[in-house]
């Protein structure tokens, strides 16, 4: 019964997303059909999660989300159905990291917003270093997916307009560093990771990462 309800909701979400927005899902074909990896994305609002989840199926996908998501009954129900990993930003992420590692070991896709929260302004915020540690400890390939346009959805809904969302998929890469890097190296790796996401966005949407210096030697492209 629960599985049937989930399928019905997913069909409904697909219709709603299509009504609210038009987007170029063709670029998602660049995402590999097999193998585990981490997708990082800029988090603007509710739209990107169902969009990416539903249009990447039948790949098995899991998210990491802040624990506050479960305070909303519907979002909490969907998060449970999508086997989302709870992240309590006030606590050590050890348990969340273990679950994420198991997901990658099973060959699934793990989706992470390195900002750790939704951007109020629509511009890319400061990246949290947890994504760096997660990727290093699992020797994971990272694929950046940037999108712009979704930040206008609330205004467009008021005007009964569909929102144009432009997706871009970046080059897959690994971070080059030890599983437990020191503070300085962790920051360098984080700057390099966020730069790979920032370049997929228009200059005005890159925020603090527009001119962030980074060391390209810390990245190993895998394509």
N, C-alpha and C. Protein backbone atom coordinates (compact mmCIF):
# COMPACT_ATOMS: atom_id res chain seq x y z
N UNK A 1 0.83 -1.21 0.00
CA UNK A 1 0.00 0.00 0.00
C UNK A 1 0.87 1.26 0.00
N UNK A 2 1.90 1.25 0.86
CA UNK A 2 2.77 2.43 0.95
C UNK A 2 3.51 2.66 -0.37
N UNK A 3 3.96 1.55 -1.01
CA UNK A 3 4.66 1.68 -2.27
C UNK A 3 3.74 2.24 -3.35
N UNK A 4 2.51 1.77 -3.37
CA UNK A 4 1.54 2.27 -4.35
C UNK A 4 1.27 3.75 -4.14
N UNK A 5 1.12 4.15 -2.87
CA UNK A 5 0.89 5.56 -2.56
C UNK A 5 2.07 6.41 -3.00
N UNK A 6 3.27 5.89 -2.79
CA UNK A 6 4.47 6.62 -3.19
C UNK A 6 4.52 6.82 -4.70
N UNK A 7 4.15 5.77 -5.45
CA UNK A 7 4.15 5.87 -6.91
C UNK A 7 3.13 6.89 -7.39
N UNK A 8 1.97 6.90 -6.76
CA UNK A 8 0.93 7.87 -7.12
C UNK A 8 1.42 9.30 -6.86
N UNK A 9 2.06 9.50 -5.70
CA UNK A 9 2.59 10.82 -5.36
C UNK A 9 3.67 11.23 -6.35
N UNK A 10 4.52 10.29 -6.74
CA UNK A 10 5.58 10.61 -7.69
C UNK A 10 5.02 11.03 -9.05
N UNK A 11 3.97 10.34 -9.49
CA UNK A 11 3.31 10.73 -10.74
C UNK A 11 2.73 12.13 -10.61
N UNK A 12 2.09 12.39 -9.46
CA UNK A 12 1.53 13.71 -9.22
C UNK A 12 2.60 14.79 -9.19
N UNK A 13 3.73 14.49 -8.54
CA UNK A 13 4.84 15.45 -8.48
C UNK A 13 5.39 15.75 -9.88
N UNK A 14 5.48 14.71 -10.68
CA UNK A 14 5.99 14.88 -12.05
C UNK A 14 5.09 15.85 -12.83
N UNK A 15 3.78 15.68 -12.68
CA UNK A 15 2.83 16.56 -13.36
C UNK A 15 2.95 17.98 -12.84
N UNK A 16 3.04 18.12 -11.52
CA UNK A 16 3.15 19.46 -10.91
C UNK A 16 4.42 20.17 -11.36
N UNK A 17 5.54 19.44 -11.34
CA UNK A 17 6.81 20.04 -11.76
C UNK A 17 6.73 20.49 -13.21
N UNK A 18 6.11 19.67 -14.05
CA UNK A 18 5.96 20.04 -15.47
C UNK A 18 5.06 21.26 -15.65
N UNK A 19 4.05 21.38 -14.81
CA UNK A 19 3.16 22.55 -14.88
C UNK A 19 3.89 23.81 -14.44
N UNK A 20 4.69 23.67 -13.38
CA UNK A 20 5.36 24.84 -12.81
C UNK A 20 6.58 25.29 -13.60
N UNK A 21 7.24 24.35 -14.29
CA UNK A 21 8.52 24.71 -14.91
C UNK A 21 8.74 23.99 -16.23
N UNK A 22 9.57 24.56 -17.06
CA UNK A 22 10.06 23.89 -18.26
C UNK A 22 11.58 23.86 -18.15
N UNK A 23 12.17 22.75 -18.52
CA UNK A 23 13.60 22.60 -18.28
C UNK A 23 14.20 21.62 -19.28
N UNK A 24 15.50 21.67 -19.39
CA UNK A 24 16.25 20.87 -20.36
C UNK A 24 16.79 19.60 -19.71
N UNK A 25 15.93 18.61 -19.53
CA UNK A 25 16.36 17.38 -18.87
C UNK A 25 17.30 16.55 -19.74
N UNK A 26 17.44 16.91 -21.01
CA UNK A 26 18.32 16.15 -21.89
C UNK A 26 19.75 16.09 -21.41
N UNK A 27 20.21 17.13 -20.72
CA UNK A 27 21.59 17.15 -20.24
C UNK A 27 21.83 16.09 -19.17
N UNK A 28 20.77 15.62 -18.52
CA UNK A 28 20.93 14.60 -17.48
C UNK A 28 21.36 13.25 -18.06
N UNK A 29 21.29 13.11 -19.38
CA UNK A 29 21.76 11.88 -20.02
C UNK A 29 23.27 11.73 -19.87
N UNK A 30 23.95 12.83 -19.56
CA UNK A 30 25.40 12.78 -19.35
C UNK A 30 25.77 12.09 -18.04
N UNK A 31 24.79 11.92 -17.16
CA UNK A 31 25.05 11.26 -15.88
C UNK A 31 25.10 9.75 -16.10
N UNK A 32 26.16 9.08 -15.62
CA UNK A 32 26.34 7.65 -15.89
C UNK A 32 25.14 6.79 -15.47
N UNK A 33 24.92 5.74 -16.22
CA UNK A 33 23.81 4.83 -15.94
C UNK A 33 24.17 3.81 -14.85
N UNK A 34 25.47 3.65 -14.58
CA UNK A 34 25.90 2.68 -13.58
C UNK A 34 26.96 3.30 -12.67
N UNK A 35 27.20 2.62 -11.55
CA UNK A 35 28.27 3.03 -10.65
C UNK A 35 27.82 4.04 -9.60
N UNK A 36 28.47 4.00 -8.44
CA UNK A 36 28.13 4.96 -7.38
C UNK A 36 28.84 6.29 -7.59
N UNK A 37 28.19 7.36 -7.19
CA UNK A 37 28.81 8.68 -7.20
C UNK A 37 27.96 9.64 -6.39
N UNK A 38 28.54 10.79 -6.10
CA UNK A 38 27.84 11.86 -5.37
C UNK A 38 27.49 12.95 -6.37
N UNK A 39 26.23 13.35 -6.39
CA UNK A 39 25.82 14.53 -7.15
C UNK A 39 25.74 15.70 -6.18
N UNK A 40 26.45 16.78 -6.49
CA UNK A 40 26.31 18.02 -5.71
C UNK A 40 25.50 19.01 -6.54
N UNK A 41 24.66 19.79 -5.88
CA UNK A 41 23.80 20.73 -6.58
C UNK A 41 23.59 21.98 -5.74
N UNK A 42 23.29 23.09 -6.38
CA UNK A 42 22.95 24.32 -5.66
C UNK A 42 21.49 24.24 -5.23
N UNK A 43 21.24 24.58 -3.97
CA UNK A 43 19.92 24.39 -3.37
C UNK A 43 19.22 25.74 -3.26
N UNK A 44 18.19 25.92 -4.11
CA UNK A 44 17.46 27.20 -4.15
C UNK A 44 16.08 27.06 -3.54
N UNK A 45 15.36 26.00 -3.90
CA UNK A 45 14.02 25.78 -3.34
C UNK A 45 13.62 24.31 -3.50
N UNK A 46 12.33 24.05 -3.37
CA UNK A 46 11.82 22.68 -3.38
C UNK A 46 11.90 22.01 -4.74
N UNK A 47 12.07 22.78 -5.81
CA UNK A 47 11.88 22.26 -7.16
C UNK A 47 12.96 21.27 -7.58
N UNK A 48 14.24 21.54 -7.21
CA UNK A 48 15.32 20.72 -7.77
C UNK A 48 15.31 19.28 -7.27
N UNK A 49 14.79 19.04 -6.06
CA UNK A 49 14.82 17.68 -5.53
C UNK A 49 13.92 16.72 -6.31
N UNK A 50 12.61 17.02 -6.46
CA UNK A 50 11.79 16.11 -7.27
C UNK A 50 12.22 16.09 -8.73
N UNK A 51 12.70 17.21 -9.24
CA UNK A 51 13.12 17.27 -10.64
C UNK A 51 14.25 16.26 -10.88
N UNK A 52 15.29 16.35 -10.08
CA UNK A 52 16.44 15.45 -10.26
C UNK A 52 16.08 14.01 -9.92
N UNK A 53 15.36 13.82 -8.83
CA UNK A 53 15.01 12.46 -8.41
C UNK A 53 14.17 11.75 -9.47
N UNK A 54 13.12 12.42 -9.94
CA UNK A 54 12.18 11.77 -10.85
C UNK A 54 12.74 11.60 -12.25
N UNK A 55 13.60 12.53 -12.70
CA UNK A 55 14.10 12.44 -14.06
C UNK A 55 15.40 11.65 -14.16
N UNK A 56 15.95 11.21 -13.03
CA UNK A 56 17.10 10.32 -13.06
C UNK A 56 16.71 8.86 -12.85
N UNK A 57 15.46 8.62 -12.51
CA UNK A 57 15.00 7.24 -12.37
C UNK A 57 15.11 6.54 -13.72
N UNK A 58 15.39 5.21 -13.73
CA UNK A 58 15.27 4.27 -12.61
C UNK A 58 16.52 4.10 -11.75
N UNK A 59 17.52 5.00 -11.90
CA UNK A 59 18.67 4.90 -11.00
C UNK A 59 18.19 5.01 -9.55
N UNK A 60 18.85 4.28 -8.64
CA UNK A 60 18.54 4.35 -7.23
C UNK A 60 19.24 5.56 -6.64
N UNK A 61 18.47 6.44 -6.03
CA UNK A 61 18.98 7.72 -5.57
C UNK A 61 18.59 7.95 -4.12
N UNK A 62 19.51 8.49 -3.36
CA UNK A 62 19.24 8.88 -1.98
C UNK A 62 19.73 10.31 -1.76
N UNK A 63 19.05 11.01 -0.86
CA UNK A 63 19.43 12.38 -0.51
C UNK A 63 19.98 12.42 0.91
N UNK A 64 20.71 13.49 1.18
CA UNK A 64 21.01 13.86 2.55
C UNK A 64 20.25 15.16 2.81
N UNK A 65 19.53 15.24 3.92
CA UNK A 65 18.71 16.42 4.21
C UNK A 65 18.75 16.75 5.69
N UNK A 66 18.63 18.02 5.99
CA UNK A 66 18.64 18.45 7.39
C UNK A 66 17.41 17.89 8.10
N UNK A 67 17.57 17.63 9.38
CA UNK A 67 16.54 16.95 10.16
C UNK A 67 15.25 17.76 10.22
N UNK A 68 15.34 19.08 10.03
CA UNK A 68 14.14 19.92 10.05
C UNK A 68 13.14 19.57 8.94
N UNK A 69 13.62 18.89 7.90
CA UNK A 69 12.73 18.48 6.81
C UNK A 69 11.56 17.64 7.32
N UNK A 70 11.81 16.84 8.36
CA UNK A 70 10.78 15.94 8.89
C UNK A 70 9.75 16.67 9.75
N UNK A 71 9.94 17.97 9.98
CA UNK A 71 8.94 18.74 10.71
C UNK A 71 7.71 19.02 9.86
N UNK A 72 7.88 18.92 8.54
CA UNK A 72 6.76 19.09 7.61
C UNK A 72 6.20 17.71 7.29
N UNK A 73 4.93 17.44 7.60
CA UNK A 73 4.39 16.07 7.45
C UNK A 73 4.58 15.47 6.06
N UNK A 74 4.24 16.22 5.00
CA UNK A 74 4.35 15.66 3.65
C UNK A 74 5.81 15.47 3.26
N UNK A 75 6.64 16.48 3.51
CA UNK A 75 8.06 16.37 3.16
C UNK A 75 8.72 15.23 3.94
N UNK A 76 8.34 15.09 5.20
CA UNK A 76 8.88 14.01 6.01
C UNK A 76 8.49 12.65 5.47
N UNK A 77 7.23 12.54 5.04
CA UNK A 77 6.74 11.28 4.47
C UNK A 77 7.48 10.94 3.19
N UNK A 78 7.68 11.94 2.32
CA UNK A 78 8.41 11.71 1.08
C UNK A 78 9.87 11.38 1.36
N UNK A 79 10.46 12.07 2.32
CA UNK A 79 11.86 11.81 2.67
C UNK A 79 12.05 10.37 3.14
N UNK A 80 11.10 9.87 3.91
CA UNK A 80 11.17 8.48 4.35
C UNK A 80 11.02 7.52 3.18
N UNK A 81 10.11 7.83 2.27
CA UNK A 81 9.91 6.98 1.10
C UNK A 81 11.13 6.96 0.20
N UNK A 82 11.83 8.07 0.14
CA UNK A 82 13.03 8.16 -0.70
C UNK A 82 14.29 7.79 0.09
N UNK A 83 14.10 7.23 1.28
CA UNK A 83 15.21 6.77 2.12
C UNK A 83 16.27 7.85 2.32
N UNK A 84 15.79 9.03 2.65
CA UNK A 84 16.67 10.18 2.84
C UNK A 84 17.42 10.07 4.16
N UNK A 85 18.68 10.48 4.14
CA UNK A 85 19.52 10.42 5.33
C UNK A 85 19.37 11.72 6.11
N UNK A 86 19.03 11.60 7.40
CA UNK A 86 18.88 12.77 8.25
C UNK A 86 20.24 13.31 8.67
N UNK A 87 20.38 14.63 8.58
CA UNK A 87 21.60 15.28 9.03
C UNK A 87 21.23 16.34 10.06
N UNK A 88 21.72 16.17 11.26
CA UNK A 88 21.52 17.16 12.32
C UNK A 88 22.76 18.02 12.37
N UNK A 89 22.64 19.26 11.92
CA UNK A 89 23.82 20.12 11.78
C UNK A 89 24.46 20.49 13.11
N UNK A 90 23.78 20.22 14.21
CA UNK A 90 24.34 20.53 15.51
C UNK A 90 25.09 19.37 16.13
N UNK A 91 25.11 18.22 15.44
CA UNK A 91 25.74 17.03 15.98
C UNK A 91 26.80 16.50 15.01
N UNK A 92 27.67 15.63 15.52
CA UNK A 92 28.69 15.01 14.68
C UNK A 92 27.99 14.13 13.64
N UNK A 93 28.40 14.23 12.36
CA UNK A 93 27.67 13.50 11.31
C UNK A 93 28.08 12.04 11.13
N UNK A 94 28.67 11.42 12.16
CA UNK A 94 29.21 10.07 12.01
C UNK A 94 28.18 9.07 11.50
N UNK A 95 26.98 9.06 12.11
CA UNK A 95 25.95 8.10 11.71
C UNK A 95 25.48 8.36 10.28
N UNK A 96 25.32 9.64 9.94
CA UNK A 96 24.92 10.00 8.57
C UNK A 96 25.98 9.57 7.57
N UNK A 97 27.26 9.73 7.94
CA UNK A 97 28.37 9.33 7.06
C UNK A 97 28.36 7.82 6.84
N UNK A 98 28.08 7.05 7.90
CA UNK A 98 28.04 5.59 7.77
C UNK A 98 26.94 5.17 6.79
N UNK A 99 25.76 5.78 6.92
CA UNK A 99 24.65 5.45 6.02
C UNK A 99 24.98 5.84 4.59
N UNK A 100 25.62 7.01 4.43
CA UNK A 100 26.01 7.47 3.09
C UNK A 100 27.02 6.51 2.47
N UNK A 101 27.95 6.04 3.28
CA UNK A 101 28.94 5.09 2.79
C UNK A 101 28.31 3.80 2.32
N UNK A 102 27.30 3.32 3.06
CA UNK A 102 26.61 2.09 2.67
C UNK A 102 25.87 2.28 1.34
N UNK A 103 25.29 3.43 1.16
CA UNK A 103 24.56 3.73 -0.08
C UNK A 103 25.52 3.70 -1.27
N UNK A 104 26.68 4.31 -1.11
CA UNK A 104 27.68 4.31 -2.19
C UNK A 104 28.21 2.90 -2.43
N UNK A 105 28.37 2.13 -1.37
CA UNK A 105 28.83 0.74 -1.52
C UNK A 105 27.83 -0.10 -2.32
N UNK A 106 26.56 0.28 -2.25
CA UNK A 106 25.51 -0.44 -2.98
C UNK A 106 25.39 0.02 -4.43
N UNK A 107 26.24 0.97 -4.84
CA UNK A 107 26.22 1.43 -6.23
C UNK A 107 25.17 2.48 -6.53
N UNK A 108 24.67 3.13 -5.50
CA UNK A 108 23.61 4.12 -5.68
C UNK A 108 24.19 5.52 -5.93
N UNK A 109 23.28 6.44 -6.27
CA UNK A 109 23.61 7.86 -6.37
C UNK A 109 23.25 8.51 -5.05
N UNK A 110 24.16 9.32 -4.52
CA UNK A 110 23.90 10.09 -3.32
C UNK A 110 23.87 11.56 -3.70
N UNK A 111 22.77 12.24 -3.39
CA UNK A 111 22.64 13.66 -3.73
C UNK A 111 22.84 14.52 -2.50
N UNK A 112 23.71 15.52 -2.64
CA UNK A 112 24.09 16.37 -1.51
C UNK A 112 24.12 17.83 -1.94
N UNK A 113 23.56 18.68 -1.14
CA UNK A 113 23.74 20.12 -1.32
C UNK A 113 24.89 20.55 -0.42
N UNK A 114 26.05 20.89 -1.01
CA UNK A 114 27.20 21.24 -0.16
C UNK A 114 27.00 22.51 0.65
N UNK A 115 26.02 23.32 0.27
CA UNK A 115 25.73 24.53 1.06
C UNK A 115 25.09 24.15 2.40
N UNK A 116 24.42 23.00 2.44
CA UNK A 116 23.81 22.54 3.68
C UNK A 116 22.47 23.15 3.99
N UNK A 117 22.03 24.11 3.18
CA UNK A 117 20.74 24.76 3.40
C UNK A 117 20.32 25.46 2.13
N UNK A 118 19.07 25.87 2.09
CA UNK A 118 18.55 26.57 0.92
C UNK A 118 19.06 28.00 0.87
N UNK A 119 19.40 28.46 -0.33
CA UNK A 119 19.84 29.83 -0.51
C UNK A 119 18.63 30.77 -0.57
N UNK A 120 18.60 31.76 0.28
CA UNK A 120 17.49 32.73 0.30
C UNK A 120 17.56 33.65 -0.91
N UNK A 121 18.77 34.01 -1.32
CA UNK A 121 18.97 34.99 -2.40
C UNK A 121 19.01 34.35 -3.78
N UNK A 122 19.17 33.04 -3.84
CA UNK A 122 19.31 32.37 -5.13
C UNK A 122 20.75 32.25 -5.58
N UNK A 123 21.67 32.91 -4.88
CA UNK A 123 23.09 32.82 -5.21
C UNK A 123 23.73 31.69 -4.40
N UNK A 124 24.82 31.17 -4.93
CA UNK A 124 25.50 30.04 -4.29
C UNK A 124 26.13 30.49 -2.97
N UNK A 125 25.81 29.76 -1.90
CA UNK A 125 26.31 30.11 -0.59
C UNK A 125 27.63 29.42 -0.27
N UNK A 126 28.09 29.63 0.92
CA UNK A 126 29.34 29.02 1.39
C UNK A 126 29.19 27.52 1.50
N UNK A 127 30.12 26.79 0.96
CA UNK A 127 30.07 25.33 1.03
C UNK A 127 30.53 24.83 2.39
N UNK A 128 29.82 23.85 2.92
CA UNK A 128 30.23 23.22 4.18
C UNK A 128 31.19 22.07 3.85
N UNK A 129 32.16 21.86 4.72
CA UNK A 129 33.25 20.93 4.40
C UNK A 129 32.88 19.47 4.59
N UNK A 130 31.68 19.19 5.07
CA UNK A 130 31.25 17.81 5.25
C UNK A 130 31.23 17.02 3.95
N UNK A 131 30.89 17.67 2.85
CA UNK A 131 30.86 16.99 1.56
C UNK A 131 32.25 16.54 1.16
N UNK A 132 33.24 17.38 1.46
CA UNK A 132 34.64 17.03 1.17
C UNK A 132 35.04 15.76 1.92
N UNK A 133 34.75 15.72 3.21
CA UNK A 133 35.12 14.57 4.04
C UNK A 133 34.38 13.31 3.58
N UNK A 134 33.11 13.46 3.24
CA UNK A 134 32.32 12.32 2.77
C UNK A 134 32.91 11.74 1.50
N UNK A 135 33.28 12.62 0.56
CA UNK A 135 33.83 12.16 -0.71
C UNK A 135 35.19 11.50 -0.52
N UNK A 136 36.05 12.09 0.30
CA UNK A 136 37.40 11.54 0.51
C UNK A 136 37.35 10.18 1.19
N UNK A 137 36.50 10.05 2.20
CA UNK A 137 36.46 8.80 2.96
C UNK A 137 35.86 7.64 2.16
N UNK A 138 35.13 7.98 1.09
CA UNK A 138 34.55 6.93 0.25
C UNK A 138 35.20 6.88 -1.13
N UNK A 139 36.26 7.68 -1.32
CA UNK A 139 36.93 7.75 -2.63
C UNK A 139 35.90 7.92 -3.74
N UNK A 140 34.95 8.78 -3.50
CA UNK A 140 33.77 8.89 -4.38
C UNK A 140 33.99 9.84 -5.54
N UNK A 141 33.44 9.48 -6.68
CA UNK A 141 33.35 10.40 -7.82
C UNK A 141 32.25 11.41 -7.52
N UNK A 142 32.50 12.66 -7.87
CA UNK A 142 31.54 13.75 -7.66
C UNK A 142 31.11 14.29 -9.02
N UNK A 143 29.82 14.47 -9.20
CA UNK A 143 29.30 15.08 -10.42
C UNK A 143 28.51 16.33 -10.04
N UNK A 144 28.97 17.53 -10.45
CA UNK A 144 28.23 18.75 -10.13
C UNK A 144 27.07 18.98 -11.10
N UNK A 145 25.93 19.37 -10.57
CA UNK A 145 24.77 19.73 -11.39
C UNK A 145 24.31 21.11 -10.93
N UNK A 146 24.45 22.08 -11.80
CA UNK A 146 24.01 23.43 -11.47
C UNK A 146 22.71 23.76 -12.19
N UNK A 147 21.92 24.61 -11.59
CA UNK A 147 20.69 25.05 -12.25
C UNK A 147 20.43 26.51 -11.91
N UNK A 148 19.84 27.20 -12.86
CA UNK A 148 19.42 28.58 -12.59
C UNK A 148 18.03 28.80 -13.18
N UNK A 149 17.32 29.70 -12.57
CA UNK A 149 15.94 29.98 -12.98
C UNK A 149 14.94 29.59 -11.93
N UNK A 150 15.22 28.51 -11.16
CA UNK A 150 14.28 28.05 -10.14
C UNK A 150 14.07 29.09 -9.04
N UNK A 151 15.06 29.98 -8.87
CA UNK A 151 14.93 31.01 -7.84
C UNK A 151 13.77 31.97 -8.13
N UNK A 152 13.24 31.94 -9.36
CA UNK A 152 12.15 32.85 -9.74
C UNK A 152 10.77 32.21 -9.62
N UNK A 153 10.71 30.99 -9.14
CA UNK A 153 9.45 30.25 -9.22
C UNK A 153 8.32 30.88 -8.40
N UNK A 154 8.62 31.38 -7.21
CA UNK A 154 7.56 31.95 -6.38
C UNK A 154 6.95 33.19 -7.03
N UNK A 155 7.80 34.03 -7.61
CA UNK A 155 7.30 35.22 -8.31
C UNK A 155 6.50 34.82 -9.53
N UNK A 156 6.96 33.81 -10.25
CA UNK A 156 6.25 33.38 -11.46
C UNK A 156 4.92 32.72 -11.15
N UNK A 157 4.84 32.00 -10.04
CA UNK A 157 3.56 31.41 -9.63
C UNK A 157 2.52 32.50 -9.40
N UNK A 158 2.94 33.59 -8.77
CA UNK A 158 2.02 34.71 -8.53
C UNK A 158 1.50 35.30 -9.83
N UNK A 159 2.33 35.22 -10.88
CA UNK A 159 1.96 35.80 -12.17
C UNK A 159 1.42 34.73 -13.13
N UNK A 160 1.19 33.51 -12.61
CA UNK A 160 0.69 32.40 -13.41
C UNK A 160 1.58 32.11 -14.62
N UNK A 161 2.88 32.17 -14.40
CA UNK A 161 3.86 31.88 -15.44
C UNK A 161 4.64 30.62 -15.10
N UNK A 162 4.99 29.88 -16.15
CA UNK A 162 5.91 28.75 -15.95
C UNK A 162 7.32 29.31 -15.80
N UNK A 163 8.11 28.62 -15.01
CA UNK A 163 9.49 29.05 -14.77
C UNK A 163 10.44 28.25 -15.65
N UNK A 164 11.30 28.96 -16.34
CA UNK A 164 12.31 28.29 -17.15
C UNK A 164 13.52 27.96 -16.27
N UNK A 165 13.85 26.69 -16.18
CA UNK A 165 14.99 26.24 -15.39
C UNK A 165 16.03 25.65 -16.33
N UNK A 166 17.25 26.15 -16.23
CA UNK A 166 18.34 25.67 -17.07
C UNK A 166 19.28 24.82 -16.24
N UNK A 167 19.44 23.57 -16.63
CA UNK A 167 20.31 22.63 -15.95
C UNK A 167 21.64 22.50 -16.69
N UNK A 168 22.72 22.33 -15.94
CA UNK A 168 24.02 22.03 -16.53
C UNK A 168 24.71 20.96 -15.71
N UNK A 169 25.28 19.99 -16.39
CA UNK A 169 26.02 18.92 -15.73
C UNK A 169 27.51 19.12 -15.97
N UNK A 170 28.28 19.14 -14.89
CA UNK A 170 29.72 19.35 -15.01
C UNK A 170 30.50 18.05 -15.17
N UNK A 171 31.81 18.18 -15.25
CA UNK A 171 32.68 17.02 -15.43
C UNK A 171 32.79 16.23 -14.12
N UNK A 172 32.75 14.91 -14.18
CA UNK A 172 32.96 14.10 -12.97
C UNK A 172 34.40 14.25 -12.49
N UNK A 173 34.58 14.24 -11.18
CA UNK A 173 35.92 14.37 -10.64
C UNK A 173 36.02 13.71 -9.27
N UNK A 174 37.24 13.44 -8.85
CA UNK A 174 37.54 13.03 -7.49
C UNK A 174 38.39 14.11 -6.83
N UNK A 175 38.27 14.23 -5.53
CA UNK A 175 39.14 15.11 -4.77
C UNK A 175 40.42 14.35 -4.42
N UNK A 176 41.55 15.02 -4.52
CA UNK A 176 42.84 14.39 -4.23
C UNK A 176 43.31 14.83 -2.84
N UNK A 177 43.22 13.91 -1.90
CA UNK A 177 43.62 14.21 -0.54
C UNK A 177 43.43 13.00 0.35
N UNK A 178 43.97 13.03 1.56
CA UNK A 178 43.80 11.91 2.50
C UNK A 178 42.40 11.89 3.08
N UNK A 179 41.98 10.76 3.66
CA UNK A 179 40.63 10.66 4.24
C UNK A 179 40.37 11.65 5.37
N UNK A 180 41.44 12.07 6.05
CA UNK A 180 41.29 13.00 7.17
C UNK A 180 42.22 14.20 6.98
N UNK A 181 41.90 15.09 6.05
CA UNK A 181 42.79 16.22 5.78
C UNK A 181 42.76 17.24 6.92
N UNK A 182 43.86 17.98 7.06
CA UNK A 182 43.92 19.04 8.05
C UNK A 182 43.05 20.21 7.65
N UNK A 183 42.93 21.17 8.53
CA UNK A 183 42.01 22.30 8.33
C UNK A 183 42.32 23.08 7.06
N UNK A 184 43.61 23.39 6.82
CA UNK A 184 43.98 24.20 5.66
C UNK A 184 43.67 23.46 4.36
N UNK A 185 44.04 22.19 4.30
CA UNK A 185 43.78 21.41 3.09
C UNK A 185 42.29 21.20 2.89
N UNK A 186 41.55 21.01 3.97
CA UNK A 186 40.10 20.84 3.88
C UNK A 186 39.47 22.06 3.22
N UNK A 187 39.93 23.23 3.60
CA UNK A 187 39.40 24.47 3.00
C UNK A 187 39.75 24.55 1.52
N UNK A 188 40.97 24.20 1.17
CA UNK A 188 41.38 24.23 -0.23
C UNK A 188 40.53 23.27 -1.07
N UNK A 189 40.33 22.08 -0.54
CA UNK A 189 39.52 21.09 -1.25
C UNK A 189 38.08 21.56 -1.40
N UNK A 190 37.56 22.19 -0.37
CA UNK A 190 36.19 22.69 -0.42
C UNK A 190 36.06 23.81 -1.44
N UNK A 191 37.06 24.69 -1.50
CA UNK A 191 37.04 25.77 -2.50
C UNK A 191 37.05 25.19 -3.91
N UNK A 192 37.86 24.13 -4.12
CA UNK A 192 37.93 23.50 -5.45
C UNK A 192 36.60 22.85 -5.81
N UNK A 193 35.99 22.16 -4.85
CA UNK A 193 34.70 21.51 -5.08
C UNK A 193 33.62 22.55 -5.42
N UNK A 194 33.55 23.61 -4.65
CA UNK A 194 32.52 24.63 -4.87
C UNK A 194 32.74 25.37 -6.18
N UNK A 195 34.00 25.52 -6.58
CA UNK A 195 34.29 26.18 -7.85
C UNK A 195 33.72 25.36 -9.01
N UNK A 196 33.81 24.03 -8.92
CA UNK A 196 33.27 23.18 -9.98
C UNK A 196 31.76 23.34 -10.12
N UNK A 197 31.09 23.62 -9.02
CA UNK A 197 29.65 23.86 -9.06
C UNK A 197 29.36 25.29 -9.53
N UNK A 198 30.16 26.23 -9.07
CA UNK A 198 29.93 27.65 -9.40
C UNK A 198 30.03 27.92 -10.89
N UNK A 199 30.97 27.28 -11.58
CA UNK A 199 31.17 27.58 -13.00
C UNK A 199 29.99 27.13 -13.86
N UNK A 200 29.09 26.33 -13.30
CA UNK A 200 27.90 25.90 -14.04
C UNK A 200 26.76 26.92 -13.94
N UNK A 201 26.98 27.97 -13.16
CA UNK A 201 25.95 28.98 -12.92
C UNK A 201 26.33 30.30 -13.60
N UNK A 202 25.34 31.16 -13.88
CA UNK A 202 25.67 32.49 -14.38
C UNK A 202 26.52 33.24 -13.36
N UNK A 203 27.36 34.15 -13.83
CA UNK A 203 28.30 34.86 -12.95
C UNK A 203 27.59 35.51 -11.77
N UNK A 204 26.42 36.08 -12.00
CA UNK A 204 25.71 36.79 -10.93
C UNK A 204 25.13 35.84 -9.88
N UNK A 205 25.11 34.55 -10.17
CA UNK A 205 24.54 33.58 -9.24
C UNK A 205 25.63 32.80 -8.49
N UNK A 206 26.89 33.09 -8.77
CA UNK A 206 27.98 32.33 -8.15
C UNK A 206 28.31 32.80 -6.74
N UNK A 207 27.78 33.93 -6.34
CA UNK A 207 27.97 34.42 -4.97
C UNK A 207 29.42 34.56 -4.59
N UNK A 208 29.77 34.10 -3.39
CA UNK A 208 31.13 34.26 -2.88
C UNK A 208 32.14 33.40 -3.65
N UNK A 209 31.64 32.47 -4.46
CA UNK A 209 32.54 31.58 -5.19
C UNK A 209 32.84 32.09 -6.60
N UNK A 210 32.40 33.30 -6.90
CA UNK A 210 32.63 33.86 -8.23
C UNK A 210 34.11 33.98 -8.53
N UNK A 211 34.87 34.50 -7.55
CA UNK A 211 36.30 34.72 -7.76
C UNK A 211 37.15 33.97 -6.74
N UNK A 212 36.60 32.90 -6.16
CA UNK A 212 37.34 32.14 -5.16
C UNK A 212 38.55 31.47 -5.80
N UNK A 213 39.76 31.75 -5.31
CA UNK A 213 40.93 31.05 -5.85
C UNK A 213 40.88 29.58 -5.45
N UNK A 214 41.34 28.71 -6.34
CA UNK A 214 41.34 27.29 -6.02
C UNK A 214 42.52 26.62 -6.71
N UNK A 215 42.89 25.49 -6.18
CA UNK A 215 44.03 24.73 -6.71
C UNK A 215 43.51 23.59 -7.58
N UNK A 216 43.62 23.70 -8.92
CA UNK A 216 43.10 22.64 -9.80
C UNK A 216 43.81 21.31 -9.62
N UNK A 217 45.01 21.32 -9.03
CA UNK A 217 45.75 20.08 -8.83
C UNK A 217 45.10 19.19 -7.74
N UNK A 218 44.13 19.75 -7.03
CA UNK A 218 43.42 18.97 -6.03
C UNK A 218 42.26 18.18 -6.62
N UNK A 219 42.05 18.32 -7.94
CA UNK A 219 40.97 17.63 -8.62
C UNK A 219 41.53 16.62 -9.62
N UNK A 220 40.86 15.48 -9.70
CA UNK A 220 41.21 14.47 -10.71
C UNK A 220 39.95 14.18 -11.53
N UNK A 221 39.93 14.69 -12.76
CA UNK A 221 38.75 14.46 -13.60
C UNK A 221 38.73 13.02 -14.08
N UNK A 222 37.54 12.42 -14.10
CA UNK A 222 37.44 11.00 -14.39
C UNK A 222 36.78 10.70 -15.73
N UNK A 223 36.42 11.73 -16.49
CA UNK A 223 35.76 11.48 -17.77
C UNK A 223 36.80 11.30 -18.89
